[in-house]
Structures are given as C-alpha cells and as structure tokens.
Amino acid sequence: MSVSEHFRTMIAMAAADGAMSEAELRLLSDRAVEFGITDDEFEDALQDAIHRKVDISLPADRAERASILKDMIRMMAADGHMRPNEKKLFAVVATLYEFDGDGLNQLIDEVLAEG
C-alpha cells in the first residue's frame, strides 16, 4: 500500500463523523509532511473523503495493516470524541485487516504507550 493510500484512509476516518476538528486536521497535516504528501494530494484526498469516494485497500503485510489501524485510532482520539460513524468504519477496517479483540487491544495499548 502506498503512503498516499495510507493517508487517504486516515482522512476517511477523520471525515467519518461528518466534521473535522482542528486536532484532526493538525494530525493530518503532520502526517502529510511525514509522508511527503503535497498540498494538491492533500486537497484531492480531502475532497474524496468529503464525497465518500475513498476505497480502503488491504495491505498484504500485517505490520502495515497494524500501522494503519494505529493511525485510525489516533485519528479517532484526536478530537477527544469517538463518534459512532468513526467506530463503525474502524470496526469494518479492523475486520477487513483480520484483527480480533486481542489484536486491537494490543494496538490500543501501543498507541497509549506512545503518549
């Protein structure tokens, strides 16, 4: 999976509740810089998420799937609210990525340990 697809998955999570907080946008901006996402790519991904035109890819590598799920957890927590639509999207992706309750708890623990 490309960094662009990873980033688009993060934006889909941020847009899942119909609004993006300043904290979510800040996290997206930080990741865009880290991933080398251009302003145009950011805008395109944002527009696709707003119009619900995001496809979730299935990376072959379990570590990459874990990384994406961790970013989704960070995105859900960024604004301090876990909305039902965010939870639903996360549940669908976690199932698609073949993570069960124990695996998800481990990912959550790892994200929390990061501070």
PDB file of N, CA and C in Angstrom:
ATOM      1  N   MET A   1       0.846  -1.177   0.000  1.00  0.00           N
ATOM      2  CA  MET A   1       0.000   0.000   0.000  1.00  0.00           C
ATOM      3  C   MET A   1       0.890   1.237   0.000  1.00  0.00           C
ATOM      4  N   SER A   2       0.532   2.190  -0.786  1.00  0.00           N
ATOM      5  CA  SER A   2       1.321   3.424  -0.870  1.00  0.00           C
ATOM      6  C   SER A   2       1.025   4.334   0.323  1.00  0.00           C
ATOM      7  N   VAL A   3       1.922   5.276   0.573  1.00  0.00           N
ATOM      8  CA  VAL A   3       1.682   6.241   1.641  1.00  0.00           C
ATOM      9  C   VAL A   3       0.450   7.078   1.327  1.00  0.00           C
ATOM     10  N   SER A   4       0.192   7.296   0.053  1.00  0.00           N
ATOM     11  CA  SER A   4      -0.997   8.042  -0.345  1.00  0.00           C
ATOM     12  C   SER A   4      -2.269   7.305   0.074  1.00  0.00           C
ATOM     13  N   GLU A   5      -2.298   5.997  -0.127  1.00  0.00           N
ATOM     14  CA  GLU A   5      -3.470   5.208   0.279  1.00  0.00           C
ATOM     15  C   GLU A   5      -3.599   5.191   1.803  1.00  0.00           C
ATOM     16  N   HIS A   6      -2.488   5.071   2.498  1.00  0.00           N
ATOM     17  CA  HIS A   6      -2.491   5.114   3.961  1.00  0.00           C
ATOM     18  C   HIS A   6      -3.077   6.455   4.424  1.00  0.00           C
ATOM     19  N   PHE A   7      -2.600   7.528   3.818  1.00  0.00           N
ATOM     20  CA  PHE A   7      -3.065   8.862   4.167  1.00  0.00           C
ATOM     21  C   PHE A   7      -4.559   9.012   3.879  1.00  0.00           C
ATOM     22  N   ARG A   8      -4.999   8.492   2.750  1.00  0.00           N
ATOM     23  CA  ARG A   8      -6.421   8.574   2.394  1.00  0.00           C
ATOM     24  C   ARG A   8      -7.293   7.822   3.404  1.00  0.00           C
ATOM     25  N   THR A   9      -6.788   6.738   3.944  1.00  0.00           N
ATOM     26  CA  THR A   9      -7.525   6.009   4.967  1.00  0.00           C
ATOM     27  C   THR A   9      -7.654   6.859   6.231  1.00  0.00           C
ATOM     28  N   MET A  10      -6.588   7.570   6.580  1.00  0.00           N
ATOM     29  CA  MET A  10      -6.647   8.465   7.736  1.00  0.00           C
ATOM     30  C   MET A  10      -7.674   9.578   7.521  1.00  0.00           C
ATOM     31  N   ILE A  11      -7.694  10.142   6.332  1.00  0.00           N
ATOM     32  CA  ILE A  11      -8.659  11.207   6.041  1.00  0.00           C
ATOM     33  C   ILE A  11     -10.081  10.658   6.079  1.00  0.00           C
ATOM     34  N   ALA A  12     -10.270   9.447   5.582  1.00  0.00           N
ATOM     35  CA  ALA A  12     -11.601   8.838   5.639  1.00  0.00           C
ATOM     36  C   ALA A  12     -12.071   8.723   7.084  1.00  0.00           C
ATOM     37  N   MET A  13     -11.162   8.349   7.982  1.00  0.00           N
ATOM     38  CA  MET A  13     -11.520   8.259   9.396  1.00  0.00           C
ATOM     39  C   MET A  13     -11.867   9.634   9.950  1.00  0.00           C
ATOM     40  N   ALA A  14     -11.074  10.634   9.609  1.00  0.00           N
ATOM     41  CA  ALA A  14     -11.333  11.988  10.102  1.00  0.00           C
ATOM     42  C   ALA A  14     -12.681  12.511   9.615  1.00  0.00           C
ATOM     43  N   ALA A  15     -13.072  12.138   8.411  1.00  0.00           N
ATOM     44  CA  ALA A  15     -14.318  12.625   7.822  1.00  0.00           C
ATOM     45  C   ALA A  15     -15.519  11.750   8.167  1.00  0.00           C
ATOM     46  N   ALA A  16     -15.299  10.621   8.811  1.00  0.00           N
ATOM     47  CA  ALA A  16     -16.376   9.653   9.062  1.00  0.00           C
ATOM     48  C   ALA A  16     -17.531  10.237   9.865  1.00  0.00           C
ATOM     49  N   ASP A  17     -17.240  11.180  10.765  1.00  0.00           N
ATOM     50  CA  ASP A  17     -18.305  11.754  11.587  1.00  0.00           C
ATOM     51  C   ASP A  17     -18.923  13.003  10.971  1.00  0.00           C
ATOM     52  N   GLY A  18     -18.500  13.351   9.768  1.00  0.00           N
ATOM     53  CA  GLY A  18     -19.094  14.486   9.069  1.00  0.00           C
ATOM     54  C   GLY A  18     -18.441  15.828   9.364  1.00  0.00           C
ATOM     55  N   ALA A  19     -17.436  15.837  10.215  1.00  0.00           N
ATOM     56  CA  ALA A  19     -16.740  17.079  10.553  1.00  0.00           C
ATOM     57  C   ALA A  19     -15.294  16.751  10.896  1.00  0.00           C
ATOM     58  N   MET A  20     -14.435  17.743  10.739  1.00  0.00           N
ATOM     59  CA  MET A  20     -13.033  17.568  11.112  1.00  0.00           C
ATOM     60  C   MET A  20     -12.655  18.654  12.097  1.00  0.00           C
ATOM     61  N   SER A  21     -12.146  18.211  13.223  1.00  0.00           N
ATOM     62  CA  SER A  21     -11.724  19.158  14.261  1.00  0.00           C
ATOM     63  C   SER A  21     -10.348  19.714  13.919  1.00  0.00           C
ATOM     64  N   GLU A  22      -9.991  20.751  14.631  1.00  0.00           N
ATOM     65  CA  GLU A  22      -8.657  21.334  14.459  1.00  0.00           C
ATOM     66  C   GLU A  22      -7.579  20.309  14.802  1.00  0.00           C
ATOM     67  N   ALA A  23      -7.821  19.511  15.840  1.00  0.00           N
ATOM     68  CA  ALA A  23      -6.848  18.486  16.245  1.00  0.00           C
ATOM     69  C   ALA A  23      -6.681  17.424  15.159  1.00  0.00           C
ATOM     70  N   GLU A  24      -7.780  17.036  14.528  1.00  0.00           N
ATOM     71  CA  GLU A  24      -7.701  16.051  13.441  1.00  0.00           C
ATOM     72  C   GLU A  24      -6.940  16.621  12.249  1.00  0.00           C
ATOM     73  N   LEU A  25      -7.234  17.858  11.903  1.00  0.00           N
ATOM     74  CA  LEU A  25      -6.533  18.495  10.789  1.00  0.00           C
ATOM     75  C   LEU A  25      -5.043  18.657  11.084  1.00  0.00           C
ATOM     76  N   ARG A  26      -4.714  18.938  12.339  1.00  0.00           N
ATOM     77  CA  ARG A  26      -3.313  19.064  12.730  1.00  0.00           C
ATOM     78  C   ARG A  26      -2.594  17.719  12.581  1.00  0.00           C
ATOM     79  N   LEU A  27      -3.243  16.634  13.019  1.00  0.00           N
ATOM     80  CA  LEU A  27      -2.664  15.298  12.874  1.00  0.00           C
ATOM     81  C   LEU A  27      -2.496  14.949  11.401  1.00  0.00           C
ATOM     82  N   LEU A  28      -3.496  15.255  10.586  1.00  0.00           N
ATOM     83  CA  LEU A  28      -3.396  15.001   9.144  1.00  0.00           C
ATOM     84  C   LEU A  28      -2.266  15.815   8.520  1.00  0.00           C
ATOM     85  N   SER A  29      -2.155  17.059   8.928  1.00  0.00           N
ATOM     86  CA  SER A  29      -1.098  17.915   8.391  1.00  0.00           C
ATOM     87  C   SER A  29       0.284  17.365   8.758  1.00  0.00           C
ATOM     88  N   ASP A  30       0.434  16.937  10.005  1.00  0.00           N
ATOM     89  CA  ASP A  30       1.714  16.358  10.438  1.00  0.00           C
ATOM     90  C   ASP A  30       2.047  15.104   9.635  1.00  0.00           C
ATOM     91  N   ARG A  31       1.046  14.242   9.429  1.00  0.00           N
ATOM     92  CA  ARG A  31       1.274  13.010   8.668  1.00  0.00           C
ATOM     93  C   ARG A  31       1.555  13.323   7.203  1.00  0.00           C
ATOM     94  N   ALA A  32       0.897  14.342   6.655  1.00  0.00           N
ATOM     95  CA  ALA A  32       1.136  14.713   5.261  1.00  0.00           C
ATOM     96  C   ALA A  32       2.596  15.099   5.064  1.00  0.00           C
ATOM     97  N   VAL A  33       3.126  15.882   5.984  1.00  0.00           N
ATOM     98  CA  VAL A  33       4.532  16.279   5.913  1.00  0.00           C
ATOM     99  C   VAL A  33       5.415  15.043   6.031  1.00  0.00           C
ATOM    100  N   GLU A  34       5.124  14.201   7.019  1.00  0.00           N
ATOM    101  CA  GLU A  34       5.907  12.981   7.239  1.00  0.00           C
ATOM    102  C   GLU A  34       5.887  12.065   6.022  1.00  0.00           C
ATOM    103  N   PHE A  35       4.725  11.950   5.366  1.00  0.00           N
ATOM    104  CA  PHE A  35       4.572  11.058   4.222  1.00  0.00           C
ATOM    105  C   PHE A  35       4.973  11.692   2.897  1.00  0.00           C
ATOM    106  N   GLY A  36       5.261  13.005   2.895  1.00  0.00           N
ATOM    107  CA  GLY A  36       5.616  13.680   1.652  1.00  0.00           C
ATOM    108  C   GLY A  36       4.408  13.945   0.763  1.00  0.00           C
ATOM    109  N   ILE A  37       3.242  14.119   1.365  1.00  0.00           N
ATOM    110  CA  ILE A  37       2.005  14.395   0.629  1.00  0.00           C
ATOM    111  C   ILE A  37       1.999  15.870   0.243  1.00  0.00           C
ATOM    112  N   THR A  38       1.783  16.153  -1.023  1.00  0.00           N
ATOM    113  CA  THR A  38       1.744  17.547  -1.488  1.00  0.00           C
ATOM    114  C   THR A  38       0.417  18.194  -1.098  1.00  0.00           C
ATOM    115  N   ASP A  39       0.368  19.511  -1.183  1.00  0.00           N
ATOM    116  CA  ASP A  39      -0.877  20.224  -0.891  1.00  0.00           C
ATOM    117  C   ASP A  39      -1.993  19.784  -1.826  1.00  0.00           C
ATOM    118  N   ASP A  40      -1.667  19.577  -3.108  1.00  0.00           N
ATOM    119  CA  ASP A  40      -2.675  19.141  -4.068  1.00  0.00           C
ATOM    120  C   ASP A  40      -3.191  17.742  -3.741  1.00  0.00           C
ATOM    121  N   GLU A  41      -2.277  16.830  -3.360  1.00  0.00           N
ATOM    122  CA  GLU A  41      -2.694  15.479  -2.977  1.00  0.00           C
ATOM    123  C   GLU A  41      -3.567  15.519  -1.716  1.00  0.00           C
ATOM    124  N   PHE A  42      -3.195  16.391  -0.780  1.00  0.00           N
ATOM    125  CA  PHE A  42      -3.975  16.550   0.441  1.00  0.00           C
ATOM    126  C   PHE A  42      -5.387  17.009   0.092  1.00  0.00           C
ATOM    127  N   GLU A  43      -5.492  18.031  -0.735  1.00  0.00           N
ATOM    128  CA  GLU A  43      -6.800  18.566  -1.125  1.00  0.00           C
ATOM    129  C   GLU A  43      -7.630  17.522  -1.862  1.00  0.00           C
ATOM    130  N   ASP A  44      -7.018  16.794  -2.779  1.00  0.00           N
ATOM    131  CA  ASP A  44      -7.737  15.745  -3.511  1.00  0.00           C
ATOM    132  C   ASP A  44      -8.260  14.677  -2.560  1.00  0.00           C
ATOM    133  N   ALA A  45      -7.418  14.246  -1.630  1.00  0.00           N
ATOM    134  CA  ALA A  45      -7.820  13.220  -0.664  1.00  0.00           C
ATOM    135  C   ALA A  45      -8.939  13.734   0.233  1.00  0.00           C
ATOM    136  N   LEU A  46      -8.843  14.994   0.620  1.00  0.00           N
ATOM    137  CA  LEU A  46      -9.868  15.602   1.457  1.00  0.00           C
ATOM    138  C   LEU A  46     -11.208  15.667   0.725  1.00  0.00           C
ATOM    139  N   GLN A  47     -11.176  16.101  -0.524  1.00  0.00           N
ATOM    140  CA  GLN A  47     -12.408  16.166  -1.313  1.00  0.00           C
ATOM    141  C   GLN A  47     -13.013  14.774  -1.522  1.00  0.00           C
ATOM    142  N   ASP A  48     -12.183  13.790  -1.785  1.00  0.00           N
ATOM    143  CA  ASP A  48     -12.689  12.420  -1.956  1.00  0.00           C
ATOM    144  C   ASP A  48     -13.346  11.925  -0.671  1.00  0.00           C
ATOM    145  N   ALA A  49     -12.746  12.221   0.471  1.00  0.00           N
ATOM    146  CA  ALA A  49     -13.317  11.784   1.749  1.00  0.00           C
ATOM    147  C   ALA A  49     -14.640  12.483   2.023  1.00  0.00           C
ATOM    148  N   ILE A  50     -14.700  13.768   1.731  1.00  0.00           N
ATOM    149  CA  ILE A  50     -15.936  14.522   1.933  1.00  0.00           C
ATOM    150  C   ILE A  50     -17.064  13.945   1.084  1.00  0.00           C
ATOM    151  N   HIS A  51     -16.715  13.536  -0.137  1.00  0.00           N
ATOM    152  CA  HIS A  51     -17.720  12.987  -1.051  1.00  0.00           C
ATOM    153  C   HIS A  51     -17.819  11.461  -0.981  1.00  0.00           C
ATOM    154  N   ARG A  52     -17.193  10.892   0.058  1.00  0.00           N
ATOM    155  CA  ARG A  52     -17.247   9.446   0.322  1.00  0.00           C
ATOM    156  C   ARG A  52     -16.752   8.611  -0.854  1.00  0.00           C
ATOM    157  N   LYS A  53     -15.655   9.053  -1.454  1.00  0.00           N
ATOM    158  CA  LYS A  53     -15.060   8.353  -2.593  1.00  0.00           C
ATOM    159  C   LYS A  53     -13.731   7.717  -2.208  1.00  0.00           C
ATOM    160  N   VAL A  54     -13.683   7.082  -1.047  1.00  0.00           N
ATOM    161  CA  VAL A  54     -12.444   6.501  -0.554  1.00  0.00           C
ATOM    162  C   VAL A  54     -12.560   4.987  -0.560  1.00  0.00           C
ATOM    163  N   ASP A  55     -11.611   4.344  -1.187  1.00  0.00           N
ATOM    164  CA  ASP A  55     -11.526   2.891  -1.164  1.00  0.00           C
ATOM    165  C   ASP A  55     -10.489   2.493  -0.124  1.00  0.00           C
ATOM    166  N   ILE A  56     -10.835   1.526   0.689  1.00  0.00           N
ATOM    167  CA  ILE A  56      -9.905   1.025   1.693  1.00  0.00           C
ATOM    168  C   ILE A  56      -9.191  -0.180   1.089  1.00  0.00           C
ATOM    169  N   SER A  57      -7.875  -0.098   1.021  1.00  0.00           N
ATOM    170  CA  SER A  57      -7.063  -1.177   0.457  1.00  0.00           C
ATOM    171  C   SER A  57      -6.665  -2.154   1.540  1.00  0.00           C
ATOM    172  N   LEU A  58      -6.339  -3.367   1.125  1.00  0.00           N
ATOM    173  CA  LEU A  58      -5.888  -4.399   2.037  1.00  0.00           C
ATOM    174  C   LEU A  58      -4.413  -4.666   1.812  1.00  0.00           C
ATOM    175  N   PRO A  59      -3.559  -4.077   2.666  1.00  0.00           N
ATOM    176  CA  PRO A  59      -2.125  -4.343   2.526  1.00  0.00           C
ATOM    177  C   PRO A  59      -1.834  -5.811   2.809  1.00  0.00           C
ATOM    178  N   ALA A  60      -0.877  -6.373   2.095  1.00  0.00           N
ATOM    179  CA  ALA A  60      -0.505  -7.774   2.294  1.00  0.00           C
ATOM    180  C   ALA A  60       0.231  -7.963   3.612  1.00  0.00           C
ATOM    181  N   ASP A  61       0.946  -6.946   4.038  1.00  0.00           N
ATOM    182  CA  ASP A  61       1.790  -7.023   5.221  1.00  0.00           C
ATOM    183  C   ASP A  61       0.993  -6.686   6.483  1.00  0.00           C
ATOM    184  N   ARG A  62       0.990  -7.602   7.460  1.00  0.00           N
ATOM    185  CA  ARG A  62       0.243  -7.380   8.707  1.00  0.00           C
ATOM    186  C   ARG A  62       0.771  -6.166   9.472  1.00  0.00           C
ATOM    187  N   ALA A  63       2.071  -5.934   9.447  1.00  0.00           N
ATOM    188  CA  ALA A  63       2.642  -4.777  10.139  1.00  0.00           C
ATOM    189  C   ALA A  63       2.116  -3.470   9.539  1.00  0.00           C
ATOM    190  N   GLU A  64       1.966  -3.442   8.242  1.00  0.00           N
ATOM    191  CA  GLU A  64       1.430  -2.245   7.589  1.00  0.00           C
ATOM    192  C   GLU A  64      -0.038  -2.043   7.962  1.00  0.00           C
ATOM    193  N   ARG A  65      -0.788  -3.145   8.029  1.00  0.00           N
ATOM    194  CA  ARG A  65      -2.189  -3.050   8.458  1.00  0.00           C
ATOM    195  C   ARG A  65      -2.260  -2.516   9.887  1.00  0.00           C
ATOM    196  N   ALA A  66      -1.357  -2.991  10.747  1.00  0.00           N
ATOM    197  CA  ALA A  66      -1.325  -2.518  12.134  1.00  0.00           C
ATOM    198  C   ALA A  66      -1.012  -1.025  12.185  1.00  0.00           C
ATOM    199  N   SER A  67      -0.092  -0.579  11.369  1.00  0.00           N
ATOM    200  CA  SER A  67       0.279   0.831  11.323  1.00  0.00           C
ATOM    201  C   SER A  67      -0.916   1.698  10.928  1.00  0.00           C
ATOM    202  N   ILE A  68      -1.675   1.247   9.952  1.00  0.00           N
ATOM    203  CA  ILE A  68      -2.854   1.995   9.508  1.00  0.00           C
ATOM    204  C   ILE A  68      -3.906   2.028  10.616  1.00  0.00           C
ATOM    205  N   LEU A  69      -4.144   0.892  11.250  1.00  0.00           N
ATOM    206  CA  LEU A  69      -5.118   0.855  12.339  1.00  0.00           C
ATOM    207  C   LEU A  69      -4.700   1.764  13.494  1.00  0.00           C
ATOM    208  N   LYS A  70      -3.405   1.811  13.784  1.00  0.00           N
ATOM    209  CA  LYS A  70      -2.926   2.710  14.836  1.00  0.00           C
ATOM    210  C   LYS A  70      -3.201   4.169  14.465  1.00  0.00           C
ATOM    211  N   ASP A  71      -2.968   4.519  13.208  1.00  0.00           N
ATOM    212  CA  ASP A  71      -3.266   5.887  12.775  1.00  0.00           C
ATOM    213  C   ASP A  71      -4.760   6.170  12.842  1.00  0.00           C
ATOM    214  N   MET A  72      -5.573   5.169  12.577  1.00  0.00           N
ATOM    215  CA  MET A  72      -7.018   5.352  12.691  1.00  0.00           C
ATOM    216  C   MET A  72      -7.414   5.570  14.150  1.00  0.00           C
ATOM    217  N   ILE A  73      -6.773   4.855  15.065  1.00  0.00           N
ATOM    218  CA  ILE A  73      -7.027   5.048  16.496  1.00  0.00           C
ATOM    219  C   ILE A  73      -6.631   6.467  16.900  1.00  0.00           C
ATOM    220  N   ARG A  74      -5.464   6.905  16.456  1.00  0.00           N
ATOM    221  CA  ARG A  74      -5.012   8.272  16.763  1.00  0.00           C
ATOM    222  C   ARG A  74      -6.006   9.304  16.229  1.00  0.00           C
ATOM    223  N   MET A  75      -6.508   9.050  15.029  1.00  0.00           N
ATOM    224  CA  MET A  75      -7.445   9.989  14.412  1.00  0.00           C
ATOM    225  C   MET A  75      -8.758  10.024  15.194  1.00  0.00           C
ATOM    226  N   MET A  76      -9.250   8.866  15.605  1.00  0.00           N
ATOM    227  CA  MET A  76     -10.493   8.841  16.386  1.00  0.00           C
ATOM    228  C   MET A  76     -10.326   9.596  17.699  1.00  0.00           C
ATOM    229  N   ALA A  77      -9.157   9.487  18.301  1.00  0.00           N
ATOM    230  CA  ALA A  77      -8.916  10.095  19.608  1.00  0.00           C
ATOM    231  C   ALA A  77      -8.498  11.557  19.524  1.00  0.00           C
ATOM    232  N   ALA A  78      -8.141  12.032  18.352  1.00  0.00           N
ATOM    233  CA  ALA A  78      -7.561  13.374  18.201  1.00  0.00           C
ATOM    234  C   ALA A  78      -8.452  14.476  18.758  1.00  0.00           C
ATOM    235  N   ASP A  79      -9.743  14.374  18.526  1.00  0.00           N
ATOM    236  CA  ASP A  79     -10.640  15.443  18.988  1.00  0.00           C
ATOM    237  C   ASP A  79     -11.280  15.132  20.339  1.00  0.00           C
ATOM    238  N   GLY A  80     -10.905  14.012  20.943  1.00  0.00           N
ATOM    239  CA  GLY A  80     -11.440  13.657  22.252  1.00  0.00           C
ATOM    240  C   GLY A  80     -12.819  13.023  22.212  1.00  0.00           C
ATOM    241  N   HIS A  81     -13.339  12.772  21.024  1.00  0.00           N
ATOM    242  CA  HIS A  81     -14.666  12.176  20.878  1.00  0.00           C
ATOM    243  C   HIS A  81     -14.582  11.003  19.901  1.00  0.00           C
ATOM    244  N   MET A  82     -15.166   9.891  20.296  1.00  0.00           N
ATOM    245  CA  MET A  82     -15.235   8.737  19.388  1.00  0.00           C
ATOM    246  C   MET A  82     -16.691   8.613  18.937  1.00  0.00           C
ATOM    247  N   ARG A  83     -16.940   9.083  17.750  1.00  0.00           N
ATOM    248  CA  ARG A  83     -18.293   9.116  17.202  1.00  0.00           C
ATOM    249  C   ARG A  83     -18.697   7.741  16.647  1.00  0.00           C
ATOM    250  N   PRO A  84     -20.003   7.457  16.628  1.00  0.00           N
ATOM    251  CA  PRO A  84     -20.476   6.156  16.132  1.00  0.00           C
ATOM    252  C   PRO A  84     -19.999   5.823  14.715  1.00  0.00           C
ATOM    253  N   ASN A  85     -19.999   6.803  13.813  1.00  0.00           N
ATOM    254  CA  ASN A  85     -19.556   6.526  12.441  1.00  0.00           C
ATOM    255  C   ASN A  85     -18.072   6.195  12.383  1.00  0.00           C
ATOM    256  N   GLU A  86     -17.275   6.830  13.250  1.00  0.00           N
ATOM    257  CA  GLU A  86     -15.847   6.510  13.316  1.00  0.00           C
ATOM    258  C   GLU A  86     -15.661   5.076  13.816  1.00  0.00           C
ATOM    259  N   LYS A  87     -16.405   4.723  14.842  1.00  0.00           N
ATOM    260  CA  LYS A  87     -16.311   3.370  15.398  1.00  0.00           C
ATOM    261  C   LYS A  87     -16.706   2.322  14.356  1.00  0.00           C
ATOM    262  N   LYS A  88     -17.760   2.618  13.605  1.00  0.00           N
ATOM    263  CA  LYS A  88     -18.210   1.677  12.571  1.00  0.00           C
ATOM    264  C   LYS A  88     -17.145   1.487  11.497  1.00  0.00           C
ATOM    265  N   LEU A  89     -16.586   2.591  11.014  1.00  0.00           N
ATOM    266  CA  LEU A  89     -15.545   2.494   9.994  1.00  0.00           C
ATOM    267  C   LEU A  89     -14.352   1.728  10.532  1.00  0.00           C
ATOM    268  N   PHE A  90     -13.945   2.024  11.753  1.00  0.00           N
ATOM    269  CA  PHE A  90     -12.813   1.326  12.352  1.00  0.00           C
ATOM    270  C   PHE A  90     -13.110  -0.170  12.470  1.00  0.00           C
ATOM    271  N   ALA A  91     -14.300  -0.519  12.888  1.00  0.00           N
ATOM    272  CA  ALA A  91     -14.669  -1.934  13.034  1.00  0.00           C
ATOM    273  C   ALA A  91     -14.621  -2.654  11.697  1.00  0.00           C
ATOM    274  N   VAL A  92     -15.104  -2.000  10.650  1.00  0.00           N
ATOM    275  CA  VAL A  92     -15.086  -2.609   9.321  1.00  0.00           C
ATOM    276  C   VAL A  92     -13.649  -2.825   8.858  1.00  0.00           C
ATOM    277  N   VAL A  93     -12.817  -1.800   9.003  1.00  0.00           N
ATOM    278  CA  VAL A  93     -11.426  -1.911   8.559  1.00  0.00           C
ATOM    279  C   VAL A  93     -10.679  -2.943   9.398  1.00  0.00           C
ATOM    280  N   ALA A  94     -10.887  -2.941  10.710  1.00  0.00           N
ATOM    281  CA  ALA A  94     -10.219  -3.915  11.576  1.00  0.00           C
ATOM    282  C   ALA A  94     -10.599  -5.341  11.183  1.00  0.00           C
ATOM    283  N   THR A  95     -11.851  -5.555  10.854  1.00  0.00           N
ATOM    284  CA  THR A  95     -12.297  -6.879  10.413  1.00  0.00           C
ATOM    285  C   THR A  95     -11.663  -7.230   9.071  1.00  0.00           C
ATOM    286  N   LEU A  96     -11.687  -6.292   8.142  1.00  0.00           N
ATOM    287  CA  LEU A  96     -11.062  -6.498   6.839  1.00  0.00           C
ATOM    288  C   LEU A  96      -9.576  -6.823   6.993  1.00  0.00           C
ATOM    289  N   TYR A  97      -8.925  -6.173   7.947  1.00  0.00           N
ATOM    290  CA  TYR A  97      -7.497  -6.365   8.185  1.00  0.00           C
ATOM    291  C   TYR A  97      -7.202  -7.573   9.075  1.00  0.00           C
ATOM    292  N   GLU A  98      -8.243  -8.287   9.470  1.00  0.00           N
ATOM    293  CA  GLU A  98      -8.143  -9.536  10.244  1.00  0.00           C
ATOM    294  C   GLU A  98      -7.516  -9.337  11.619  1.00  0.00           C
ATOM    295  N   PHE A  99      -7.966  -8.295  12.325  1.00  0.00           N
ATOM    296  CA  PHE A  99      -7.556  -8.066  13.712  1.00  0.00           C
ATOM    297  C   PHE A  99      -8.747  -8.364  14.610  1.00  0.00           C
ATOM    298  N   ASP A 100      -8.535  -9.211  15.612  1.00  0.00           N
ATOM    299  CA  ASP A 100      -9.585  -9.546  16.558  1.00  0.00           C
ATOM    300  C   ASP A 100      -9.457  -8.660  17.804  1.00  0.00           C
ATOM    301  N   GLY A 101     -10.273  -8.941  18.804  1.00  0.00           N
ATOM    302  CA  GLY A 101     -10.274  -8.128  20.016  1.00  0.00           C
ATOM    303  C   GLY A 101      -8.923  -8.037  20.686  1.00  0.00           C
ATOM    304  N   ASP A 102      -8.224  -9.165  20.828  1.00  0.00           N
ATOM    305  CA  ASP A 102      -6.910  -9.158  21.479  1.00  0.00           C
ATOM    306  C   ASP A 102      -5.901  -8.344  20.667  1.00  0.00           C
ATOM    307  N   GLY A 103      -5.925  -8.521  19.360  1.00  0.00           N
ATOM    308  CA  GLY A 103      -5.011  -7.767  18.500  1.00  0.00           C
ATOM    309  C   GLY A 103      -5.288  -6.275  18.555  1.00  0.00           C
ATOM    310  N   LEU A 104      -6.563  -5.903  18.594  1.00  0.00           N
ATOM    311  CA  LEU A 104      -6.925  -4.488  18.675  1.00  0.00           C
ATOM    312  C   LEU A 104      -6.541  -3.902  20.028  1.00  0.00           C
ATOM    313  N   ASN A 105      -6.751  -4.675  21.090  1.00  0.00           N
ATOM    314  CA  ASN A 105      -6.348  -4.198  22.418  1.00  0.00           C
ATOM    315  C   ASN A 105      -4.848  -3.948  22.476  1.00  0.00           C
ATOM    316  N   GLN A 106      -4.079  -4.802  21.838  1.00  0.00           N
ATOM    317  CA  GLN A 106      -2.627  -4.626  21.798  1.00  0.00           C
ATOM    318  C   GLN A 106      -2.274  -3.334  21.054  1.00  0.00           C
ATOM    319  N   LEU A 107      -2.949  -3.086  19.917  1.00  0.00           N
ATOM    320  CA  LEU A 107      -2.686  -1.853  19.168  1.00  0.00           C
ATOM    321  C   LEU A 107      -3.038  -0.615  19.993  1.00  0.00           C
ATOM    322  N   ILE A 108      -4.167  -0.666  20.681  1.00  0.00           N
ATOM    323  CA  ILE A 108      -4.590   0.458  21.517  1.00  0.00           C
ATOM    324  C   ILE A 108      -3.563   0.699  22.623  1.00  0.00           C
ATOM    325  N   ASP A 109      -3.105  -0.385  23.255  1.00  0.00           N
ATOM    326  CA  ASP A 109      -2.086  -0.258  24.297  1.00  0.00           C
ATOM    327  C   ASP A 109      -0.813   0.381  23.750  1.00  0.00           C
ATOM    328  N   GLU A 110      -0.417  -0.022  22.544  1.00  0.00           N
ATOM    329  CA  GLU A 110       0.786   0.540  21.937  1.00  0.00           C
ATOM    330  C   GLU A 110       0.631   2.023  21.651  1.00  0.00           C
ATOM    331  N   VAL A 111      -0.538   2.418  21.155  1.00  0.00           N
ATOM    332  CA  VAL A 111      -0.784   3.844  20.885  1.00  0.00           C
ATOM    333  C   VAL A 111      -0.776   4.634  22.189  1.00  0.00           C
ATOM    334  N   LEU A 112      -1.404   4.085  23.220  1.00  0.00           N
ATOM    335  CA  LEU A 112      -1.434   4.774  24.518  1.00  0.00           C
ATOM    336  C   LEU A 112      -0.037   4.899  25.117  1.00  0.00           C
ATOM    337  N   ALA A 113       0.784   3.887  24.927  1.00  0.00           N
ATOM    338  CA  ALA A 113       2.147   3.898  25.464  1.00  0.00           C
ATOM    339  C   ALA A 113       3.015   4.966  24.792  1.00  0.00           C
ATOM    340  N   GLU A 114       2.651   5.336  23.561  1.00  0.00           N
ATOM    341  CA  GLU A 114       3.405   6.360  22.840  1.00  0.00           C
ATOM    342  C   GLU A 114       3.203   7.732  23.446  1.00  0.00           C
ATOM    343  N   GLY A 115       2.123   7.866  24.218  1.00  0.00           N
ATOM    344  CA  GLY A 115       1.899   9.123  24.916  1.00  0.00           C
ATOM    345  C   GLY A 115       0.959  10.001  24.247  1.00  0.00           C
TER     346      GLY A 115
END
